[in-house]
Structures are given as structure tokens and as C-alpha cells.
Amino acid sequence: MLISESKSLSYDAVLLVSFGGPNGPDDVIPFLENVLRGKNVPRERLLEVAEHYYHFGGVSPINQQNLRLKAALEQRLQEVGPQLNVYWGNRNWHPLLADTLQQMKADGVTRCLALMTSAFSCYSGCRQYREDLAKALEQVGGGIVIHKVRVFFNHPGFIQPTARQTEALYRSWSPEQRSRGRVLFCAHSIPNAMANGSAYEVQLREASRLVAEQVGIPESQWELVFQSRSGPPTQPWLEPDICDRIRQLHSEQQLQDVLVVPIGFVSDHLEVLYDLDTEAKSVCEELRIGFLRAATVGSDPEFVAALVDLIRERTSNAPRLAIGQYPANHDFCPLDCCWSGRPGAPQLPTVAGLDQAGT
């Protein structure tokens, strides 16, 4: 385990920052239009994804999951400190970041730590959150210093609960099932150009390796796959797609059983419930392949304790825990960190108070 020290700073609150999701059928199209604004995604794809939400009554489970995580964080902070209020704001749906920041200003918050519900570094999982925070802060007239909590792909409190969920299912396989089965660690695909501007794929492979190592899964029996691509067919994205890979493994190696570990996600939201539990499972049923899917960390007490540890790193010089071959990630992102890969993409907006080291 790698341990280093961080500079202690003072804060008045924690801001849980998430993606957001619709609360009913009427929210679905406006929500997706927010998500895809400025992106080269065909309208047909938007309508296709809308059907995924309608399949679950137009309600995304991410909102209730974030409420549970917020409550768990508040309880843990009350137990071990620091005594900070926890606020919640979303990039794409209510409660929107600007509304939450306005409430924070009204409550007298001047310095806060932003905790993103993303364990990995990439434009969509880090820089875009920072850009949206900057825009929201501009909308409310500034007045709050916001520092981002580091990504936690190799924090033991993320790896160990994931390994625990994976091991319970892996051990349920017989020796014969293990010999003809495959563990597929799965994450959201992103464009290759975006992946080239971040450590996303490297971090995903390391987190997958750490979980497999803890469970005792042989290297030959696991691999990293991707899901949920939304770009035009001409644009290369990270591959292989999970459904394509299941078909390929069945054709070439007579695959009999699959254990899917959604390593790229921290909660069982719609892209897990639909893209994995519905689509990937349907492929397995069609091919008569056994399908198991490990749960995400959600509000697991060990994961919640890890998030509080990340907060305590910044407030009390607590040790910066990391396992594996990489150190704890940086606290303050470089200007060129997690580039979008889009030609002519602007630099991170310069907004007073956002992510400025030492302020």
C-alpha cells in the first residue's frame, strides 16, 4: 500500500456532484438534451436511449442512490469528522449545480470540497464536471472556493468492496464453470481521442487487475470491455463492446459463463440496469451462457468510509491511501488534464475560486 501526506486546508461543506437523471417520463427528453448538448450524437440515438429510460418508467435510479450516498456520508462525517454539511448537485438534471451553489451561498458556505461520483480520470468523469462547476459558479456570481477530491480508482476502500462483491459470485462457480467462464470488467466507452488525453484506460485496467488479484482470478480469465457508446459509427471508441465480445468468446472459445463486474461505475444506475442487466444478459440468454453481474459499491459502508477518508486527506493531513503500482492521484488538476479530444476544445474556464491550489 502506498501512503503519502497532503496539505491540510479548511472547508465549510462537501458538495456531492453527480450526473443526474430523470424523475419521470416527461423529464426524459429534456434530460437527454442536456446530456448531449454540443455533442455530435444523432437524434436517433437520443430517442433510442430515451427508450431505455421509459423501460424503467422514465425514472433513473441514480437519484435515490445519490440520496442514500449523501445520507451515508453525512452520518459518517458526524461519527468521525470533520463536521461538514453535505450538499448535492447534478450536471444534467435537478438539483442542478447552480441551484445547489446558490443555496450554499445563502447558507454562508465559502469553501467546499467537490466529491464527484466517478472513480476514474477522463473528460466525462473529471474535466467536464469541473467545467460545469465553473459555469455554475459563474451563474451565481462566484463567492465559493471549490476544490475537487481526487479520483479514487486505486483507493483500498473502492477496490476491496468491489472485490468482495465479485468474489461472492466467482466462488459460486464450479471448477468447470471457471475453466469455461470469463470475468468481464466493464466501463463506459469513450472516444479514442478522449481516452488518449487521460489516464482512463490505464486506471481501469489497474483497478480491474487489483480486484482480480484480490479475488484470485487468473490473468487469463478476465479482461476489460466497454459499453454504452453513443457516438457516430465513423468515430472510433474504446473497444471491445461487451455484447460483441460475449458473442466472439462464445464463437471462438465456447464460452459458457460470464461474470460482469461494472468496475467503471459506483452505483447501479440505468446504464448498469439496462446495458448490462438487460442487453448483455439478453445476449447471454440467446447463446445459453450463464450470466452473473456483481453489484457496484453504491453506499457500501467501506466505500463510504473511503470517501470520508478522501475528505479527511484534505482537512487533517490524513494519509493518502493507494494500492497497486500507482500512487494516489493528484489533488489539483493540471490545466491540460483530461482533455476532451475535440479539435479546438477550449481550456478549462478560468473562474475565481475553482480548483486553485493553495487558495
Protein backbone atom coordinates (compact mmCIF):
# COMPACT_ATOMS: atom_id res chain seq x y z
CA MET A 1 0.00 0.00 0.00
CA LEU A 2 1.30 3.44 -0.97
CA ILE A 3 0.84 6.22 1.58
CA SER A 4 1.73 9.89 1.23
CA GLU A 5 0.76 13.08 3.02
CA SER A 6 -1.32 16.01 1.76
CA LYS A 7 -1.51 19.70 2.65
CA SER A 8 -4.28 20.37 5.17
CA LEU A 9 -6.84 23.06 4.22
CA SER A 10 -10.09 24.24 5.79
CA TYR A 11 -13.56 23.85 4.28
CA ASP A 12 -17.14 24.53 5.35
CA ALA A 13 -19.01 21.92 3.27
CA VAL A 14 -18.89 18.93 0.92
CA LEU A 15 -20.61 19.07 -2.47
CA LEU A 16 -21.61 15.69 -3.90
CA VAL A 17 -21.54 16.17 -7.67
CA SER A 18 -23.25 13.65 -9.93
CA PHE A 19 -24.59 13.12 -13.43
CA GLY A 20 -28.31 13.43 -12.71
CA GLY A 21 -31.26 11.58 -14.16
CA PRO A 22 -34.97 11.99 -14.95
CA ASN A 23 -37.60 11.69 -12.25
CA GLY A 24 -40.44 10.77 -14.63
CA PRO A 25 -41.35 10.26 -18.30
CA ASP A 26 -41.74 13.98 -19.01
CA ASP A 27 -38.16 14.59 -17.86
CA VAL A 28 -36.50 12.06 -20.16
CA ILE A 29 -36.12 14.04 -23.41
CA PRO A 30 -35.15 17.37 -21.74
CA PHE A 31 -32.64 15.49 -19.57
CA LEU A 32 -31.05 13.76 -22.56
CA GLU A 33 -30.93 17.04 -24.48
CA ASN A 34 -28.95 18.48 -21.55
CA VAL A 35 -26.60 15.49 -21.59
CA LEU A 36 -25.97 15.63 -25.34
CA ARG A 37 -25.88 19.40 -25.84
CA GLY A 38 -22.89 20.30 -28.03
CA LYS A 39 -22.10 16.66 -28.83
CA ASN A 40 -22.20 15.07 -32.27
CA VAL A 41 -24.82 12.46 -31.39
CA PRO A 42 -27.64 11.70 -33.88
CA ARG A 43 -31.20 12.42 -32.76
CA GLU A 44 -31.98 8.78 -33.44
CA ARG A 45 -29.51 7.76 -30.73
CA LEU A 46 -31.11 10.18 -28.25
CA LEU A 47 -34.52 8.62 -28.91
CA GLU A 48 -33.04 5.13 -28.61
CA VAL A 49 -31.56 5.92 -25.20
CA ALA A 50 -34.86 7.53 -24.17
CA GLU A 51 -36.50 4.13 -24.63
CA HIS A 52 -34.04 2.70 -22.11
CA TYR A 53 -35.38 5.16 -19.52
CA TYR A 54 -39.01 4.52 -20.49
CA HIS A 55 -38.33 0.83 -19.91
CA PHE A 56 -37.97 1.79 -16.21
CA GLY A 57 -40.94 4.16 -16.14
CA GLY A 58 -38.87 7.19 -17.11
CA VAL A 59 -37.20 7.26 -13.68
CA SER A 60 -33.46 6.94 -13.24
CA PRO A 61 -32.41 5.09 -10.09
CA ILE A 62 -29.35 7.35 -9.77
CA ASN A 63 -31.30 9.99 -7.84
CA GLN A 64 -32.34 7.70 -4.98
CA GLN A 65 -28.86 6.18 -4.98
CA ASN A 66 -27.31 9.62 -4.57
CA LEU A 67 -29.71 10.43 -1.75
CA ARG A 68 -28.64 7.24 0.03
CA LEU A 69 -24.97 8.06 -0.52
CA LYS A 70 -25.48 11.62 0.73
CA ALA A 71 -27.19 10.36 3.90
CA ALA A 72 -24.44 7.79 4.49
CA LEU A 73 -21.74 10.44 4.05
CA GLU A 74 -23.49 12.77 6.48
CA GLN A 75 -23.72 10.02 9.09
CA ARG A 76 -20.07 9.01 8.69
CA LEU A 77 -18.88 12.62 8.89
CA GLN A 78 -20.89 13.09 12.08
CA GLU A 79 -19.26 9.98 13.55
CA VAL A 80 -15.61 10.62 12.69
CA GLY A 81 -15.46 14.22 11.45
CA PRO A 82 -14.93 16.67 10.03
CA GLN A 83 -18.36 18.08 10.89
CA LEU A 84 -19.31 19.30 7.41
CA ASN A 85 -22.71 19.65 5.78
CA VAL A 86 -23.17 17.65 2.57
CA TYR A 87 -24.91 19.23 -0.43
CA TRP A 88 -25.87 17.52 -3.69
CA GLY A 89 -25.91 18.96 -7.21
CA ASN A 90 -26.12 17.45 -10.70
CA ARG A 91 -24.66 18.36 -14.05
CA ASN A 92 -27.71 17.46 -16.13
CA TRP A 93 -30.90 17.43 -14.01
CA HIS A 94 -32.38 18.68 -10.78
CA PRO A 95 -30.96 19.52 -8.33
CA LEU A 96 -28.77 21.40 -10.81
CA LEU A 97 -25.34 22.63 -9.74
CA ALA A 98 -26.21 26.33 -10.00
CA ASP A 99 -29.27 25.91 -7.76
CA THR A 100 -27.26 23.97 -5.19
CA LEU A 101 -24.43 26.54 -5.22
CA GLN A 102 -26.97 29.33 -4.75
CA GLN A 103 -28.33 27.52 -1.67
CA MET A 104 -24.80 27.02 -0.38
CA LYS A 105 -24.09 30.75 -0.71
CA ALA A 106 -27.32 31.52 1.15
CA ASP A 107 -26.16 29.17 3.91
CA GLY A 108 -22.85 31.02 4.22
CA VAL A 109 -20.59 28.42 2.57
CA THR A 110 -17.39 30.00 1.22
CA ARG A 111 -15.08 26.98 0.77
CA CYS A 112 -16.12 23.46 -0.20
CA LEU A 113 -14.77 20.12 -1.39
CA ALA A 114 -16.44 18.71 -4.51
CA LEU A 115 -16.79 14.93 -4.47
CA MET A 116 -17.58 13.55 -7.94
CA THR A 117 -19.30 10.17 -8.32
CA SER A 118 -16.54 8.99 -10.66
CA ALA A 119 -13.52 6.89 -9.71
CA PHE A 120 -11.57 7.43 -12.93
CA SER A 121 -9.89 10.26 -14.86
CA CYS A 122 -11.27 11.28 -18.23
CA TYR A 123 -13.01 14.29 -19.72
CA SER A 124 -16.51 13.00 -18.93
CA GLY A 125 -15.53 11.80 -15.45
CA CYS A 126 -13.39 14.72 -14.32
CA ARG A 127 -12.75 17.75 -16.51
CA GLN A 128 -16.36 18.14 -17.69
CA TYR A 129 -17.52 18.12 -14.07
CA ARG A 130 -15.01 20.90 -13.38
CA GLU A 131 -16.16 22.87 -16.41
CA ASP A 132 -19.80 22.57 -15.36
CA LEU A 133 -18.91 23.62 -11.81
CA ALA A 134 -17.10 26.63 -13.23
CA LYS A 135 -20.12 27.63 -15.33
CA ALA A 136 -22.49 27.15 -12.39
CA LEU A 137 -20.22 29.19 -10.13
CA GLU A 138 -20.21 31.96 -12.73
CA GLN A 139 -24.02 31.89 -12.86
CA VAL A 140 -24.30 32.52 -9.12
CA GLY A 141 -21.66 35.27 -9.15
CA GLY A 142 -18.80 33.31 -7.59
CA GLY A 143 -18.11 33.62 -3.90
CA ILE A 144 -17.28 29.98 -3.18
CA VAL A 145 -13.85 28.37 -3.40
CA ILE A 146 -14.28 24.84 -4.77
CA HIS A 147 -11.58 22.17 -4.59
CA LYS A 148 -12.06 18.75 -6.15
CA VAL A 149 -11.49 15.48 -4.27
CA ARG A 150 -9.02 13.25 -6.14
CA VAL A 151 -10.13 10.26 -8.22
CA PHE A 152 -10.03 7.05 -6.20
CA PHE A 153 -9.59 4.21 -8.71
CA ASN A 154 -6.85 2.63 -6.56
CA HIS A 155 -8.10 3.51 -3.08
CA PRO A 156 -8.47 0.31 -1.00
CA GLY A 157 -11.95 1.43 0.05
CA PHE A 158 -13.06 1.25 -3.59
CA ILE A 159 -11.15 -1.89 -4.59
CA GLN A 160 -12.00 -4.04 -1.57
CA PRO A 161 -15.81 -3.69 -1.67
CA THR A 162 -15.70 -4.34 -5.42
CA ALA A 163 -13.56 -7.43 -4.82
CA ARG A 164 -15.94 -8.61 -2.11
CA GLN A 165 -18.96 -8.36 -4.43
CA THR A 166 -17.03 -10.09 -7.22
CA GLU A 167 -15.66 -12.89 -5.04
CA ALA A 168 -19.09 -13.89 -3.74
CA LEU A 169 -20.21 -14.64 -7.30
CA TYR A 170 -16.92 -16.03 -8.57
CA ARG A 171 -16.80 -18.57 -5.73
CA SER A 172 -20.31 -19.71 -6.70
CA TRP A 173 -18.90 -21.09 -9.95
CA SER A 174 -17.82 -24.72 -10.01
CA PRO A 175 -14.25 -25.52 -11.17
CA GLU A 176 -15.70 -26.47 -14.56
CA GLN A 177 -17.55 -23.15 -14.84
CA ARG A 178 -14.36 -21.25 -14.04
CA SER A 179 -12.48 -23.16 -16.73
CA ARG A 180 -15.05 -22.22 -19.38
CA GLY A 181 -16.15 -18.87 -17.98
CA ARG A 182 -14.83 -15.33 -18.21
CA VAL A 183 -14.87 -12.36 -15.84
CA LEU A 184 -15.59 -9.18 -17.80
CA PHE A 185 -14.74 -5.89 -16.10
CA CYS A 186 -16.91 -3.30 -17.77
CA ALA A 187 -16.81 0.51 -18.08
CA HIS A 188 -18.44 3.21 -20.16
CA SER A 189 -16.75 3.54 -23.53
CA ILE A 190 -15.42 6.94 -24.60
CA PRO A 191 -13.97 8.20 -27.91
CA ASN A 192 -10.37 7.14 -28.51
CA ALA A 193 -9.37 10.78 -28.89
CA MET A 194 -10.73 11.48 -25.40
CA ALA A 195 -9.08 8.38 -23.97
CA ASN A 196 -5.73 9.49 -25.39
CA GLY A 197 -5.96 12.70 -23.35
CA SER A 198 -6.35 10.99 -19.98
CA ALA A 199 -5.32 8.01 -17.86
CA TYR A 200 -8.81 6.49 -18.10
CA GLU A 201 -7.91 3.17 -19.70
CA VAL A 202 -4.74 2.75 -17.65
CA GLN A 203 -6.65 3.35 -14.40
CA LEU A 204 -9.46 0.98 -15.43
CA ARG A 205 -7.01 -1.82 -16.21
CA GLU A 206 -5.21 -1.25 -12.92
CA ALA A 207 -8.43 -1.29 -10.88
CA SER A 208 -9.56 -4.45 -12.70
CA ARG A 209 -6.19 -6.08 -12.06
CA LEU A 210 -6.33 -5.20 -8.37
CA VAL A 211 -9.82 -6.68 -7.97
CA ALA A 212 -8.89 -9.82 -9.91
CA GLU A 213 -5.75 -10.22 -7.81
CA GLN A 214 -7.67 -9.92 -4.55
CA VAL A 215 -10.30 -12.43 -5.68
CA GLY A 216 -7.72 -14.83 -7.13
CA ILE A 217 -8.93 -14.71 -10.73
CA PRO A 218 -6.18 -15.88 -13.12
CA GLU A 219 -4.97 -13.27 -15.59
CA SER A 220 -6.12 -15.46 -18.50
CA GLN A 221 -9.68 -15.48 -17.18
CA TRP A 222 -10.51 -11.79 -17.01
CA GLU A 223 -10.47 -8.82 -19.37
CA LEU A 224 -11.68 -5.24 -19.71
CA VAL A 225 -14.64 -4.49 -22.00
CA PHE A 226 -16.79 -1.43 -22.67
CA GLN A 227 -20.43 -0.44 -23.05
CA SER A 228 -22.84 2.41 -23.83
CA ARG A 229 -21.06 4.05 -26.78
CA SER A 230 -23.15 6.86 -28.28
CA GLY A 231 -21.03 8.49 -30.99
CA PRO A 232 -21.34 8.18 -34.78
CA PRO A 233 -20.12 4.88 -36.28
CA THR A 234 -17.25 6.69 -38.03
CA GLN A 235 -15.76 7.83 -34.72
CA PRO A 236 -13.51 5.23 -33.02
CA TRP A 237 -14.38 4.48 -29.38
CA LEU A 238 -12.77 2.20 -26.83
CA GLU A 239 -13.47 -1.46 -27.58
CA PRO A 240 -14.44 -4.26 -27.37
CA ASP A 241 -18.12 -3.70 -26.74
CA ILE A 242 -19.35 -6.16 -24.11
CA CYS A 243 -22.09 -7.69 -26.26
CA ASP A 244 -19.75 -8.10 -29.25
CA ARG A 245 -17.11 -9.66 -27.03
CA ILE A 246 -19.54 -12.16 -25.47
CA ARG A 247 -20.57 -13.29 -28.96
CA GLN A 248 -16.93 -13.56 -30.04
CA LEU A 249 -15.89 -15.57 -26.98
CA HIS A 250 -18.84 -17.90 -27.44
CA SER A 251 -17.98 -18.44 -31.09
CA GLU A 252 -14.24 -18.88 -30.68
CA GLN A 253 -13.86 -20.41 -27.21
CA GLN A 254 -17.28 -21.96 -26.45
CA LEU A 255 -17.83 -19.53 -23.59
CA GLN A 256 -20.31 -21.00 -21.07
CA ASP A 257 -20.49 -18.50 -18.21
CA VAL A 258 -19.94 -14.75 -17.78
CA LEU A 259 -19.42 -12.72 -14.61
CA VAL A 260 -19.73 -8.99 -15.33
CA VAL A 261 -18.12 -6.53 -12.94
CA PRO A 262 -19.18 -2.90 -13.67
CA ILE A 263 -15.84 -1.52 -12.46
CA GLY A 264 -16.37 1.84 -14.18
CA PHE A 265 -19.47 2.73 -12.16
CA VAL A 266 -20.04 3.47 -8.48
CA SER A 267 -23.80 2.81 -8.44
CA ASP A 268 -26.32 0.52 -10.13
CA HIS A 269 -27.86 3.26 -12.24
CA LEU A 270 -29.62 2.92 -15.59
CA GLU A 271 -26.58 2.18 -17.74
CA VAL A 272 -25.90 -0.80 -15.47
CA LEU A 273 -29.51 -1.93 -15.23
CA TYR A 274 -30.23 -1.61 -18.96
CA ASP A 275 -26.95 -2.02 -20.85
CA LEU A 276 -25.77 -4.89 -18.66
CA ASP A 277 -28.74 -6.47 -16.87
CA THR A 278 -30.99 -6.16 -19.92
CA GLU A 279 -28.94 -6.05 -23.14
CA ALA A 280 -25.84 -8.07 -22.20
CA LYS A 281 -27.95 -10.55 -20.26
CA SER A 282 -30.24 -10.94 -23.28
CA VAL A 283 -27.23 -11.85 -25.46
CA CYS A 284 -26.20 -14.46 -22.90
CA GLU A 285 -29.71 -15.92 -22.77
CA GLU A 286 -29.79 -16.09 -26.57
CA LEU A 287 -26.49 -18.01 -26.59
CA ARG A 288 -27.37 -20.05 -23.47
CA ILE A 289 -24.50 -18.54 -21.50
CA GLY A 290 -24.79 -18.22 -17.73
CA PHE A 291 -24.89 -14.55 -16.66
CA LEU A 292 -23.91 -13.06 -13.29
CA ARG A 293 -23.41 -9.38 -12.52
CA ALA A 294 -21.59 -8.04 -9.46
CA ALA A 295 -23.09 -5.11 -7.59
CA THR A 296 -21.40 -1.72 -7.61
CA VAL A 297 -20.08 -0.17 -4.40
CA GLY A 298 -23.12 2.12 -4.01
CA SER A 299 -23.34 3.16 -0.37
CA ASP A 300 -21.35 0.19 0.97
CA PRO A 301 -20.05 1.24 4.43
CA GLU A 302 -16.43 0.55 3.46
CA PHE A 303 -16.78 2.71 0.34
CA VAL A 304 -18.48 5.50 2.30
CA ALA A 305 -15.64 5.37 4.84
CA ALA A 306 -13.16 5.66 1.96
CA LEU A 307 -14.91 8.78 0.63
CA VAL A 308 -14.73 10.33 4.09
CA ASP A 309 -11.04 9.39 4.21
CA LEU A 310 -10.59 11.33 0.94
CA ILE A 311 -12.22 14.33 2.58
CA ARG A 312 -10.05 13.94 5.68
CA GLU A 313 -6.93 13.90 3.50
CA ARG A 314 -7.71 17.50 2.63
CA THR A 315 -8.78 18.71 6.06
CA SER A 316 -6.46 17.00 8.54
CA ASN A 317 -3.35 15.65 6.80
CA ALA A 318 -4.76 12.11 6.89
CA PRO A 319 -2.68 9.53 4.96
CA ARG A 320 -3.33 9.36 1.20
CA LEU A 321 -4.04 5.67 0.69
CA ALA A 322 -3.48 3.86 -2.59
CA ILE A 323 -2.76 0.24 -3.53
CA GLY A 324 -1.12 -1.27 -6.58
CA GLN A 325 1.56 0.17 -8.83
CA TYR A 326 0.36 3.79 -8.99
CA PRO A 327 0.42 6.47 -6.28
CA ALA A 328 -2.59 8.39 -5.04
CA ASN A 329 -3.82 10.70 -7.80
CA HIS A 330 -3.21 14.45 -7.73
CA ASP A 331 -5.47 16.77 -5.73
CA PHE A 332 -5.22 19.74 -8.11
CA CYS A 333 -5.65 19.00 -11.81
CA PRO A 334 -3.12 20.41 -14.31
CA LEU A 335 -4.59 22.74 -16.94
CA ASP A 336 -4.14 20.11 -19.69
CA CYS A 337 -5.56 17.22 -17.61
CA CYS A 338 -8.32 15.05 -19.10
CA TRP A 339 -8.54 16.78 -22.46
CA SER A 340 -11.79 16.18 -24.40
CA GLY A 341 -10.05 15.27 -27.64
CA ARG A 342 -12.35 17.57 -29.62
CA PRO A 343 -10.50 19.76 -32.16
CA GLY A 344 -10.15 23.30 -30.88
CA ALA A 345 -11.62 22.48 -27.49
CA PRO A 346 -11.17 25.40 -25.07
CA GLN A 347 -9.14 25.23 -21.91
CA LEU A 348 -10.89 24.89 -18.58
CA PRO A 349 -12.73 28.18 -17.92
CA THR A 350 -10.81 30.40 -15.52
CA VAL A 351 -13.22 31.16 -12.68
CA ALA A 352 -12.04 32.65 -9.40
CA GLY A 353 -12.18 30.09 -6.63
CA LEU A 354 -12.38 26.91 -8.73
CA ASP A 355 -9.71 24.30 -8.08
CA GLN A 356 -6.93 26.77 -7.36
CA ALA A 357 -4.14 25.16 -5.39
CA GLY A 358 -3.45 26.67 -2.01
CA THR A 359 -6.25 29.26 -2.02
